[in-house]
C-alpha atoms as a PDB file:
ATOM      1  CA  MET A   1      64.154 -26.938 -33.194  1.00  0.00           C
ATOM      2  CA  LYS A   2      66.180 -24.916 -30.652  1.00  0.00           C
ATOM      3  CA  HIS A   3      64.390 -23.734 -27.506  1.00  0.00           C
ATOM      4  CA  LYS A   4      65.816 -21.122 -25.109  1.00  0.00           C
ATOM      5  CA  GLY A   5      64.767 -20.328 -21.576  1.00  0.00           C
ATOM      6  CA  SER A   6      65.775 -18.798 -18.273  1.00  0.00           C
ATOM      7  CA  CYS A   7      64.761 -18.208 -14.703  1.00  0.00           C
ATOM      8  CA  HIS A   8      63.161 -14.835 -13.884  1.00  0.00           C
ATOM      9  CA  CYS A   9      66.373 -12.982 -13.006  1.00  0.00           C
ATOM     10  CA  GLY A  10      68.450 -14.520 -15.815  1.00  0.00           C
ATOM     11  CA  ALA A  11      71.069 -16.095 -13.519  1.00  0.00           C
ATOM     12  CA  VAL A  12      70.155 -19.516 -14.971  1.00  0.00           C
ATOM     13  CA  THR A  13      69.732 -19.910 -18.720  1.00  0.00           C
ATOM     14  CA  PHE A  14      69.307 -23.026 -20.790  1.00  0.00           C
ATOM     15  CA  GLU A  15      68.681 -24.219 -24.307  1.00  0.00           C
ATOM     16  CA  PHE A  16      67.855 -27.532 -25.897  1.00  0.00           C
ATOM     17  CA  GLU A  17      66.969 -29.210 -29.149  1.00  0.00           C
ATOM     18  CA  GLY A  18      63.455 -30.624 -29.296  1.00  0.00           C
ATOM     19  CA  PRO A  19      60.218 -30.749 -31.216  1.00  0.00           C
ATOM     20  CA  GLU A  20      57.858 -27.817 -31.583  1.00  0.00           C
ATOM     21  CA  ILE A  21      55.936 -27.250 -28.364  1.00  0.00           C
ATOM     22  CA  THR A  22      52.241 -27.829 -28.980  1.00  0.00           C
ATOM     23  CA  THR A  23      51.162 -29.327 -25.620  1.00  0.00           C
ATOM     24  CA  GLY A  24      52.097 -29.156 -21.956  1.00  0.00           C
ATOM     25  CA  LEU A  25      52.157 -31.523 -19.002  1.00  0.00           C
ATOM     26  CA  THR A  26      51.329 -31.046 -15.348  1.00  0.00           C
ATOM     27  CA  CYS A  27      51.810 -33.571 -12.573  1.00  0.00           C
ATOM     28  CA  ASN A  28      49.772 -34.246  -9.450  1.00  0.00           C
ATOM     29  CA  CYS A  29      52.668 -35.401  -7.218  1.00  0.00           C
ATOM     30  CA  SER A  30      53.253 -33.481  -3.989  1.00  0.00           C
ATOM     31  CA  ILE A  31      56.065 -31.233  -5.282  1.00  0.00           C
ATOM     32  CA  CYS A  32      54.540 -30.503  -8.695  1.00  0.00           C
ATOM     33  CA  ARG A  33      51.152 -29.602  -7.183  1.00  0.00           C
ATOM     34  CA  ARG A  34      52.899 -27.043  -5.019  1.00  0.00           C
ATOM     35  CA  LYS A  35      55.070 -25.637  -7.828  1.00  0.00           C
ATOM     36  CA  GLY A  36      52.210 -25.440 -10.294  1.00  0.00           C
ATOM     37  CA  ALA A  37      54.541 -25.611 -13.287  1.00  0.00           C
ATOM     38  CA  THR A  38      53.633 -26.807 -16.767  1.00  0.00           C
ATOM     39  CA  MET A  39      56.368 -28.922 -18.273  1.00  0.00           C
ATOM     40  CA  THR A  40      57.419 -30.179 -21.694  1.00  0.00           C
ATOM     41  CA  GLU A  41      55.483 -33.305 -22.511  1.00  0.00           C
ATOM     42  CA  PHE A  42      58.614 -34.753 -24.136  1.00  0.00           C
ATOM     43  CA  VAL A  43      61.839 -35.525 -22.266  1.00  0.00           C
ATOM     44  CA  ILE A  44      65.132 -33.850 -23.139  1.00  0.00           C
ATOM     45  CA  SER A  45      68.344 -35.854 -23.232  1.00  0.00           C
ATOM     46  CA  GLN A  46      71.243 -34.542 -21.210  1.00  0.00           C
ATOM     47  CA  SER A  47      73.299 -34.254 -24.412  1.00  0.00           C
ATOM     48  CA  ASP A  48      70.644 -31.948 -25.943  1.00  0.00           C
ATOM     49  CA  LEU A  49      70.474 -29.589 -22.943  1.00  0.00           C
ATOM     50  CA  THR A  50      72.948 -26.766 -22.339  1.00  0.00           C
ATOM     51  CA  ILE A  51      72.737 -25.052 -18.942  1.00  0.00           C
ATOM     52  CA  THR A  52      74.539 -21.816 -18.097  1.00  0.00           C
ATOM     53  CA  ALA A  53      74.369 -20.378 -14.591  1.00  0.00           C
ATOM     54  CA  ILE A  54      76.079 -17.677 -12.616  1.00  0.00           C
ATOM     55  CA  GLU A  55      78.301 -19.428 -10.087  1.00  0.00           C
ATOM     56  CA  GLY A  56      76.258 -20.649  -7.140  1.00  0.00           C
ATOM     57  CA  ALA A  57      72.858 -19.683  -8.632  1.00  0.00           C
ATOM     58  CA  LEU A  58      71.609 -23.148  -9.616  1.00  0.00           C
ATOM     59  CA  SER A  59      70.387 -25.251  -6.710  1.00  0.00           C
ATOM     60  CA  THR A  60      68.895 -28.731  -6.627  1.00  0.00           C
ATOM     61  CA  TYR A  61      66.216 -30.296  -4.483  1.00  0.00           C
ATOM     62  CA  ALA A  62      65.759 -34.067  -4.333  1.00  0.00           C
ATOM     63  CA  PHE A  63      63.501 -36.065  -2.048  1.00  0.00           C
ATOM     64  CA  ALA A  64      62.279 -39.622  -1.430  1.00  0.00           C
ATOM     65  CA  SER A  65      64.387 -41.825  -3.755  1.00  0.00           C
ATOM     66  CA  ASN A  66      66.707 -38.898  -4.676  1.00  0.00           C
ATOM     67  CA  VAL A  67      66.454 -39.929  -8.354  1.00  0.00           C
ATOM     68  CA  ALA A  68      64.428 -36.951  -9.590  1.00  0.00           C
ATOM     69  CA  LYS A  69      66.372 -33.710  -9.299  1.00  0.00           C
ATOM     70  CA  HIS A  70      64.384 -30.468  -9.169  1.00  0.00           C
ATOM     71  CA  HIS A  71      66.610 -27.565 -10.204  1.00  0.00           C
ATOM     72  CA  PHE A  72      65.865 -23.958  -9.287  1.00  0.00           C
ATOM     73  CA  CYS A  73      67.506 -20.561  -9.196  1.00  0.00           C
ATOM     74  CA  ASN A  74      68.357 -19.699  -5.609  1.00  0.00           C
ATOM     75  CA  ARG A  75      68.312 -15.977  -6.449  1.00  0.00           C
ATOM     76  CA  CYS A  76      64.773 -15.594  -7.845  1.00  0.00           C
ATOM     77  CA  GLY A  77      63.326 -18.989  -6.843  1.00  0.00           C
ATOM     78  CA  ILE A  78      62.156 -20.014 -10.316  1.00  0.00           C
ATOM     79  CA  TYR A  79      62.167 -23.700 -11.260  1.00  0.00           C
ATOM     80  CA  PRO A  80      63.297 -23.974 -14.920  1.00  0.00           C
ATOM     81  CA  PHE A  81      63.738 -27.762 -15.309  1.00  0.00           C
ATOM     82  CA  HIS A  82      64.060 -31.095 -13.559  1.00  0.00           C
ATOM     83  CA  GLN A  83      65.638 -34.493 -14.108  1.00  0.00           C
ATOM     84  CA  THR A  84      62.919 -37.124 -14.317  1.00  0.00           C
ATOM     85  CA  LEU A  85      62.219 -39.944 -11.911  1.00  0.00           C
ATOM     86  CA  ARG A  86      61.185 -42.542 -14.465  1.00  0.00           C
ATOM     87  CA  LYS A  87      63.976 -41.764 -16.927  1.00  0.00           C
ATOM     88  CA  PRO A  88      67.095 -40.710 -14.973  1.00  0.00           C
ATOM     89  CA  GLY A  89      69.468 -38.479 -16.928  1.00  0.00           C
ATOM     90  CA  TYR A  90      66.605 -36.935 -18.911  1.00  0.00           C
ATOM     91  CA  TYR A  91      64.933 -33.603 -18.263  1.00  0.00           C
ATOM     92  CA  ARG A  92      61.654 -31.764 -18.660  1.00  0.00           C
ATOM     93  CA  ALA A  93      61.637 -27.968 -19.006  1.00  0.00           C
ATOM     94  CA  ASN A  94      59.211 -25.541 -17.404  1.00  0.00           C
ATOM     95  CA  LEU A  95      57.256 -24.099 -20.339  1.00  0.00           C
ATOM     96  CA  GLY A  96      56.763 -20.835 -18.464  1.00  0.00           C
ATOM     97  CA  CYS A  97      60.540 -20.284 -18.664  1.00  0.00           C
ATOM     98  CA  LEU A  98      60.776 -20.731 -22.443  1.00  0.00           C
ATOM     99  CA  GLU A  99      60.972 -17.830 -24.877  1.00  0.00           C
ATOM    100  CA  GLY A 100      57.961 -17.522 -27.174  1.00  0.00           C
ATOM    101  CA  VAL A 101      55.734 -20.065 -25.399  1.00  0.00           C
ATOM    102  CA  ASP A 102      52.329 -18.978 -24.089  1.00  0.00           C
ATOM    103  CA  VAL A 103      51.305 -21.788 -21.733  1.00  0.00           C
ATOM    104  CA  THR A 104      47.738 -20.453 -21.524  1.00  0.00           C
ATOM    105  CA  LYS A 105      47.229 -21.292 -25.206  1.00  0.00           C
ATOM    106  CA  LEU A 106      48.331 -24.951 -24.954  1.00  0.00           C
ATOM    107  CA  PRO A 107      46.296 -28.084 -24.257  1.00  0.00           C
ATOM    108  CA  ILE A 108      47.591 -29.564 -20.986  1.00  0.00           C
ATOM    109  CA  SER A 109      47.766 -33.256 -19.983  1.00  0.00           C
ATOM    110  CA  VAL A 110      47.957 -34.438 -16.376  1.00  0.00           C
ATOM    111  CA  PHE A 111      50.476 -37.081 -15.313  1.00  0.00           C
ATOM    112  CA  ASP A 112      49.543 -39.155 -12.257  1.00  0.00           C
ATOM    113  CA  GLY A 113      52.827 -38.807 -10.393  1.00  0.00           C
ATOM    114  CA  ALA A 114      51.051 -39.147  -7.054  1.00  0.00           C
ATOM    115  CA  SER A 115      50.628 -42.857  -7.797  1.00  0.00           C
ATOM    116  CA  LEU A 116      54.360 -43.528  -8.307  1.00  0.00           C
END
């Protein structure tokens, strides 16, 4: 199934192939607690993700091991996706950025990222 999403201002758009979204995932690590995002429970391969951004709009924040890459729009500040720590080269998408997904209607799991 094709999923489409964007940041708030539309400077960063993305789409990917993946299963139907029926659940969400939050994380209790220091950055995820502060962002408060709900992510895809499944990971997205780099080959299944297409990212389009206005030149200079997509920024990346990495910390600690610099393996996980947290991508955000530097125009509106929204965080649409990140590259995972435990599976480098794979992504999770922010469900709040996806068209047709109501995060408030989904069961949400919690990942214990604070223990990594």
